[in-house]
Amino acid sequence: MDAIAQAKHTARVLISEARVRRGGNGHGFWCFFNSAQSARLRAAALPRPAPPPALPIQPELFK
């Protein structure tokens, strides 16, 4: 799993944990919410990988 996908997954897990803990005391909610936000911001700050180069068109395939 690349770094961007891992950070997004971490943010999703922490957000779901925060939603579960919201019913109890408020401290658990804000702890997990802040962790999820920081994971989301780290994922947004990572450089995006360059797309693979396009393959050249082979004209002989279209004759």
C-alpha atoms as a PDB file:
ATOM      1  CA  MET A   1       0.000   0.000   0.000  1.00  0.00           C
ATOM      2  CA  ASP A   2       1.478   3.340  -0.983  1.00  0.00           C
ATOM      3  CA  ALA A   3       1.793   6.226   1.486  1.00  0.00           C
ATOM      4  CA  ILE A   4      -1.234   8.158   0.207  1.00  0.00           C
ATOM      5  CA  ALA A   5      -3.555   5.155   0.404  1.00  0.00           C
ATOM      6  CA  GLN A   6      -2.223   4.295   3.868  1.00  0.00           C
ATOM      7  CA  ALA A   7      -2.833   7.825   5.153  1.00  0.00           C
ATOM      8  CA  LYS A   8      -6.376   7.845   3.737  1.00  0.00           C
ATOM      9  CA  HIS A   9      -7.092   4.472   5.310  1.00  0.00           C
ATOM     10  CA  THR A  10      -5.744   5.677   8.660  1.00  0.00           C
ATOM     11  CA  ALA A  11      -7.953   8.767   8.509  1.00  0.00           C
ATOM     12  CA  ARG A  12     -11.040   6.641   7.724  1.00  0.00           C
ATOM     13  CA  VAL A  13     -10.359   4.285  10.621  1.00  0.00           C
ATOM     14  CA  LEU A  14      -9.770   7.125  13.062  1.00  0.00           C
ATOM     15  CA  ILE A  15     -12.911   8.981  11.947  1.00  0.00           C
ATOM     16  CA  SER A  16     -15.004   5.845  12.478  1.00  0.00           C
ATOM     17  CA  GLU A  17     -13.440   5.412  15.925  1.00  0.00           C
ATOM     18  CA  ALA A  18     -14.258   9.023  16.722  1.00  0.00           C
ATOM     19  CA  ARG A  19     -17.893   8.483  15.718  1.00  0.00           C
ATOM     20  CA  VAL A  20     -18.127   5.429  17.965  1.00  0.00           C
ATOM     21  CA  ARG A  21     -16.610   7.250  20.925  1.00  0.00           C
ATOM     22  CA  ARG A  22     -18.794  10.331  20.436  1.00  0.00           C
ATOM     23  CA  GLY A  23     -21.573   8.646  22.431  1.00  0.00           C
ATOM     24  CA  GLY A  24     -19.405   8.399  25.543  1.00  0.00           C
ATOM     25  CA  ASN A  25     -17.248  11.125  26.985  1.00  0.00           C
ATOM     26  CA  GLY A  26     -16.173  13.948  24.732  1.00  0.00           C
ATOM     27  CA  HIS A  27     -12.442  13.506  25.277  1.00  0.00           C
ATOM     28  CA  GLY A  28     -12.211  10.267  23.264  1.00  0.00           C
ATOM     29  CA  PHE A  29     -14.065  11.834  20.360  1.00  0.00           C
ATOM     30  CA  TRP A  30     -11.804  14.855  20.090  1.00  0.00           C
ATOM     31  CA  CYS A  31      -8.645  12.775  20.531  1.00  0.00           C
ATOM     32  CA  PHE A  32      -9.537  10.500  17.613  1.00  0.00           C
ATOM     33  CA  PHE A  33     -10.968  13.346  15.552  1.00  0.00           C
ATOM     34  CA  ASN A  34      -7.757  15.362  15.839  1.00  0.00           C
ATOM     35  CA  SER A  35      -5.708  12.268  14.955  1.00  0.00           C
ATOM     36  CA  ALA A  36      -7.859  11.676  11.886  1.00  0.00           C
ATOM     37  CA  GLN A  37      -7.553  15.296  10.807  1.00  0.00           C
ATOM     38  CA  SER A  38      -3.768  15.213  11.088  1.00  0.00           C
ATOM     39  CA  ALA A  39      -3.650  11.951   9.075  1.00  0.00           C
ATOM     40  CA  ARG A  40      -5.878  13.530   6.414  1.00  0.00           C
ATOM     41  CA  LEU A  41      -3.697  16.635   6.226  1.00  0.00           C
ATOM     42  CA  ARG A  42      -0.549  14.509   5.944  1.00  0.00           C
ATOM     43  CA  ALA A  43      -2.137  12.592   3.071  1.00  0.00           C
ATOM     44  CA  ALA A  44      -3.024  15.838   1.309  1.00  0.00           C
ATOM     45  CA  ALA A  45       0.551  17.117   1.702  1.00  0.00           C
ATOM     46  CA  LEU A  46       2.197  14.045   0.138  1.00  0.00           C
ATOM     47  CA  PRO A  47       3.412  14.498  -3.432  1.00  0.00           C
ATOM     48  CA  ARG A  48       1.254  12.748  -6.001  1.00  0.00           C
ATOM     49  CA  PRO A  49       3.052  10.185  -8.158  1.00  0.00           C
ATOM     50  CA  ALA A  50       3.393  11.055 -11.816  1.00  0.00           C
ATOM     51  CA  PRO A  51       1.056   9.176 -14.143  1.00  0.00           C
ATOM     52  CA  PRO A  52       2.705   6.517 -16.288  1.00  0.00           C
ATOM     53  CA  PRO A  53       3.759   7.713 -19.726  1.00  0.00           C
ATOM     54  CA  ALA A  54       1.248   7.136 -22.499  1.00  0.00           C
ATOM     55  CA  LEU A  55       2.007   4.342 -24.894  1.00  0.00           C
ATOM     56  CA  PRO A  56       2.720   5.445 -28.469  1.00  0.00           C
ATOM     57  CA  ILE A  57      -0.086   4.820 -30.952  1.00  0.00           C
ATOM     58  CA  GLN A  58       0.735   2.036 -33.356  1.00  0.00           C
ATOM     59  CA  PRO A  59      -0.824   3.011 -36.699  1.00  0.00           C
ATOM     60  CA  GLU A  60      -0.455  -0.491 -38.117  1.00  0.00           C
ATOM     61  CA  LEU A  61      -3.180  -1.661 -35.736  1.00  0.00           C
ATOM     62  CA  PHE A  62      -5.721   0.661 -37.406  1.00  0.00           C
ATOM     63  CA  LYS A  63      -5.184  -0.359 -41.044  1.00  0.00           C
END
